[in-house]
């Protein structure tokens, strides 16, 4: 997992903003450990994972881990004590020390400062702007697999949608959802028949520029390598990763 572990997390403003975001999403007062490693807390209302799951967010050399109950938190705390920090979002490493029934992720977490932004040159035409919830966005979502639709999160954007058409049909779209801490969570989708033409970068660039103009912190969460390449080309820095796991009924360590 590629992370910006070499960054001075005490002085890197991008890392500081990213960590503040996830601390606010944990559901209980908690901070990333200044000395690195995992901090495990009981947080039934955590937004780091689905309800009842264990959620881990690794940023730099430290991680927040939220558990739904005290018993699970205790088991996870004991289990993760033997896991190297860079492996805390590695499903294989976690499964070796704790009985895991289901996994979501890992997904990389990348962030962008205005100074690092590399906008994509427009293609044949500027990206068109549509209101969130526009029917053409829904039609694009309906044209892809359930997995792709869920991965992109385009149905949850609060910003305008920035789109490219092929004829009358929207074949690529991007926007963002407003998250806590003045964060813009980027959502990008390209129709399968239009992939490989640079359209994802074009619409994502427009959405990112809109977020930066509003003073927001752009966040890019991705699993597919192609999505990560688009983010990197725009200047996003991978600072860490997120992993959610659901354990067996018993929190007993393997």
Foldseek 3Di string as FASTA:
>chain_A
DDAPQVDPCVPDVLLVLVQVQQCVQQQDRDGWDPVAEEDEDEHQNHPQAPGQWWKWWAFHRTIYIYHPDPQLSVLQVVQCVPPHSQCPQPVVSSVQWWAFDDKDDWKFKWWDDPVQFDADDDDPDAFDWAAQPDPLVVVLLVQDDPVQSVQQCSNQAHAIKTFDDDVPHTFKIKAFHQGPSQATEIGIGGRPVPPPPCRRLRRSSVRVVVSVVVVGMYMYIGDDPVSVVSCVNRRIHGRTIMMITNHDPDRDID
